[in-house]
Amino acid sequence: MVDEAELLQRLRNREQNAINEAIELYTPYLSTVLYHLAGATLPREDAEEIVADVFVILWKNAEYIDLQKGTLRSYLAAVARNAGIKRLKKRREHVPIDDIEVSDPGDFAKESSYHDFVWNAVMSLGEPDHEIFVRRYKFDEKLRDIAKAMGLNVSTVKTRLSRGKRKLREILSDAEEKQ
């Protein structure tokens, strides 16, 4: 077991072997944190880059870390989690929602685009449906990965997607009629 206070002091003293020790010690843990955060939606290369960035941040900020507020491990996990969330937001691809068609999207009031309107409608579905939609159609996760991450059965995820699509068709159809 590593003495975090000693390791942190060595990092503050800029001992090269201290950062190497931290990398060896915490890389598997941080990789697991990122996997639990994003599953397969975060490419391995991105996860590796984030983990490397976490250690750069550790090296730069070692003197500001207060072990009275938590462990070094929890500090690194928080940095990795925040970086992972930031990376996921940055790399979001706008994947069209399949099976939802509206004949003429028109110019929806107060919406900058049809796409924004659709995603606002998705967000209005509430939990856990909107999370399932985001994971499936924004991050292109597989159904089994979504089910595992959310603690649901695959059949439940399929059912929620089906019902959600039906609700979205109704929302979009109502908006189209108002045009």
Protein backbone atom coordinates (compact mmCIF):
# COMPACT_ATOMS: atom_id res chain seq x y z
CA MET A 1 0.00 0.00 0.00
CA VAL A 2 1.33 3.39 -0.99
CA ASP A 3 1.55 6.26 1.47
CA GLU A 4 -0.29 8.98 -0.45
CA ALA A 5 1.08 11.77 1.75
CA GLU A 6 4.63 10.64 1.04
CA LEU A 7 3.95 10.27 -2.69
CA LEU A 8 2.35 13.71 -2.81
CA GLN A 9 5.33 15.25 -1.02
CA ARG A 10 7.69 13.63 -3.50
CA LEU A 11 5.57 15.05 -6.34
CA ARG A 12 5.80 18.49 -4.72
CA ASN A 13 9.57 18.06 -4.60
CA ARG A 14 9.43 17.30 -8.36
CA GLU A 15 10.97 13.85 -8.03
CA GLN A 16 10.67 12.24 -11.46
CA ASN A 17 10.31 8.76 -10.04
CA ALA A 18 7.28 9.97 -8.02
CA ILE A 19 5.24 10.79 -11.14
CA ASN A 20 6.30 7.49 -12.70
CA GLU A 21 5.14 5.69 -9.56
CA ALA A 22 1.82 7.56 -9.63
CA ILE A 23 1.34 6.65 -13.29
CA GLU A 24 2.04 2.98 -12.63
CA LEU A 25 -0.14 2.93 -9.53
CA TYR A 26 -3.21 4.87 -10.71
CA THR A 27 -3.46 4.27 -14.49
CA PRO A 28 -5.54 1.07 -14.20
CA TYR A 29 -7.89 2.74 -11.71
CA LEU A 30 -8.36 5.87 -13.84
CA SER A 31 -8.98 3.74 -16.92
CA THR A 32 -11.72 1.95 -14.99
CA VAL A 33 -13.22 5.25 -13.86
CA LEU A 34 -13.40 6.42 -17.48
CA TYR A 35 -14.85 3.12 -18.65
CA HIS A 36 -17.60 3.30 -16.03
CA LEU A 37 -18.28 6.89 -17.03
CA ALA A 38 -18.56 6.37 -20.76
CA GLY A 39 -18.36 2.69 -21.58
CA ALA A 40 -17.56 2.04 -25.21
CA THR A 41 -18.55 5.56 -26.26
CA LEU A 42 -15.10 6.85 -25.40
CA PRO A 43 -12.45 5.42 -27.74
CA ARG A 44 -9.49 3.79 -26.04
CA GLU A 45 -7.15 6.41 -27.49
CA ASP A 46 -9.23 9.20 -25.94
CA ALA A 47 -9.25 7.44 -22.57
CA GLU A 48 -5.48 7.00 -22.71
CA GLU A 49 -5.03 10.67 -23.59
CA ILE A 50 -7.28 11.73 -20.71
CA VAL A 51 -5.34 9.56 -18.26
CA ALA A 52 -2.08 11.11 -19.48
CA ASP A 53 -3.60 14.59 -19.07
CA VAL A 54 -4.63 13.72 -15.50
CA PHE A 55 -1.02 12.99 -14.62
CA VAL A 56 0.11 16.27 -16.20
CA ILE A 57 -2.47 18.04 -14.03
CA LEU A 58 -1.23 16.10 -11.00
CA TRP A 59 2.34 17.17 -11.72
CA LYS A 60 1.36 20.82 -12.19
CA ASN A 61 -1.01 21.01 -9.21
CA ALA A 62 0.66 18.77 -6.62
CA GLU A 63 1.36 21.69 -4.29
CA TYR A 64 -2.34 22.63 -4.21
CA ILE A 65 -3.73 19.19 -3.38
CA ASP A 66 -5.02 18.95 0.18
CA LEU A 67 -5.23 15.40 1.51
CA GLN A 68 -7.40 16.67 4.37
CA LYS A 69 -10.21 17.00 1.80
CA GLY A 70 -9.83 13.51 0.37
CA THR A 71 -7.40 10.96 -0.94
CA LEU A 72 -5.06 11.41 -3.87
CA ARG A 73 -6.93 8.59 -5.56
CA SER A 74 -10.27 10.43 -5.23
CA TYR A 75 -8.68 13.66 -6.50
CA LEU A 76 -7.35 11.87 -9.59
CA ALA A 77 -10.70 10.15 -10.17
CA ALA A 78 -12.52 13.51 -10.04
CA VAL A 79 -10.07 15.06 -12.51
CA ALA A 80 -10.44 12.06 -14.85
CA ARG A 81 -14.24 12.09 -14.57
CA ASN A 82 -14.43 15.82 -15.33
CA ALA A 83 -12.04 15.48 -18.27
CA GLY A 84 -14.04 12.50 -19.56
CA ILE A 85 -17.30 14.42 -19.40
CA LYS A 86 -15.71 17.36 -21.16
CA ARG A 87 -14.34 15.08 -23.88
CA LEU A 88 -17.71 13.39 -24.39
CA LYS A 89 -19.43 16.74 -24.77
CA LYS A 90 -16.80 17.86 -27.26
CA ARG A 91 -17.00 14.80 -29.46
CA ARG A 92 -20.78 14.47 -29.62
CA GLU A 93 -21.85 13.66 -33.09
CA HIS A 94 -25.31 14.50 -34.21
CA VAL A 95 -26.70 11.16 -35.22
CA PRO A 96 -30.21 11.37 -36.65
CA ILE A 97 -32.89 9.54 -34.73
CA ASP A 98 -33.93 6.67 -36.94
CA ASP A 99 -37.53 5.82 -37.68
CA ILE A 100 -38.76 9.35 -36.97
CA GLU A 101 -39.96 11.17 -40.01
CA VAL A 102 -41.87 14.39 -40.41
CA SER A 103 -42.94 15.36 -43.89
CA ASP A 104 -41.92 19.02 -43.63
CA PRO A 105 -40.12 20.18 -40.51
CA GLY A 106 -40.76 23.81 -41.40
CA ASP A 107 -39.63 26.65 -39.22
CA PHE A 108 -40.42 25.71 -35.63
CA ALA A 109 -41.07 28.70 -33.40
CA LYS A 110 -38.18 29.76 -31.17
CA GLU A 111 -36.01 26.86 -32.31
CA SER A 112 -32.79 27.52 -34.18
CA SER A 113 -33.17 24.36 -36.22
CA TYR A 114 -35.21 21.24 -36.68
CA HIS A 115 -32.36 19.26 -35.17
CA ASP A 116 -32.44 21.36 -31.99
CA PHE A 117 -36.19 20.90 -31.80
CA VAL A 118 -35.86 17.13 -32.07
CA TRP A 119 -33.22 16.97 -29.33
CA ASN A 120 -35.25 19.25 -27.07
CA ALA A 121 -38.14 16.83 -27.59
CA VAL A 122 -35.82 13.93 -26.66
CA MET A 123 -34.81 15.73 -23.48
CA SER A 124 -38.48 16.23 -22.59
CA LEU A 125 -38.95 12.45 -22.40
CA GLY A 126 -37.57 12.44 -18.86
CA GLU A 127 -35.37 9.88 -17.13
CA PRO A 128 -34.34 7.24 -17.95
CA ASP A 129 -35.72 7.57 -21.49
CA HIS A 130 -33.79 10.65 -22.51
CA GLU A 131 -30.55 9.10 -21.26
CA ILE A 132 -31.25 5.96 -23.27
CA PHE A 133 -31.88 8.07 -26.39
CA VAL A 134 -28.74 10.14 -25.89
CA ARG A 135 -26.61 7.05 -25.36
CA ARG A 136 -28.12 5.30 -28.38
CA TYR A 137 -28.42 8.11 -30.91
CA LYS A 138 -25.82 10.67 -29.90
CA PHE A 139 -23.09 8.33 -28.70
CA ASP A 140 -24.12 5.34 -30.84
CA GLU A 141 -23.89 2.89 -27.93
CA LYS A 142 -25.03 -0.67 -28.39
CA LEU A 143 -28.23 -1.70 -26.63
CA ARG A 144 -26.45 -4.21 -24.42
CA ASP A 145 -23.92 -1.55 -23.33
CA ILE A 146 -26.72 0.88 -22.48
CA ALA A 147 -28.53 -1.82 -20.53
CA LYS A 148 -25.40 -2.75 -18.61
CA ALA A 149 -24.46 0.86 -17.81
CA MET A 150 -27.96 1.69 -16.62
CA GLY A 151 -28.67 -1.57 -14.81
CA LEU A 152 -31.57 -2.49 -17.11
CA ASN A 153 -32.47 -5.49 -19.23
CA VAL A 154 -31.83 -5.19 -22.96
CA SER A 155 -35.53 -5.81 -23.58
CA THR A 156 -36.39 -2.89 -21.27
CA VAL A 157 -34.06 -0.62 -23.23
CA LYS A 158 -35.67 -1.75 -26.52
CA THR A 159 -39.15 -1.14 -25.12
CA ARG A 160 -38.24 2.32 -23.82
CA LEU A 161 -36.72 3.23 -27.18
CA SER A 162 -39.85 2.04 -28.99
CA ARG A 163 -42.20 3.94 -26.68
CA GLY A 164 -39.94 6.98 -26.79
CA LYS A 165 -40.00 7.01 -30.58
CA ARG A 166 -43.78 6.85 -30.50
CA LYS A 167 -43.87 9.83 -28.08
CA LEU A 168 -41.43 11.74 -30.28
CA ARG A 169 -43.54 11.10 -33.37
CA GLU A 170 -46.52 12.55 -31.49
CA ILE A 171 -44.54 15.61 -30.35
CA LEU A 172 -43.19 16.21 -33.86
CA SER A 173 -46.57 15.59 -35.47
CA ASP A 174 -48.22 18.08 -33.08
CA ALA A 175 -45.55 20.67 -33.86
CA GLU A 176 -45.99 20.08 -37.59
CA GLU A 177 -49.77 20.58 -37.32
CA LYS A 178 -49.21 23.92 -35.56
CA GLN A 179 -47.15 25.14 -38.51
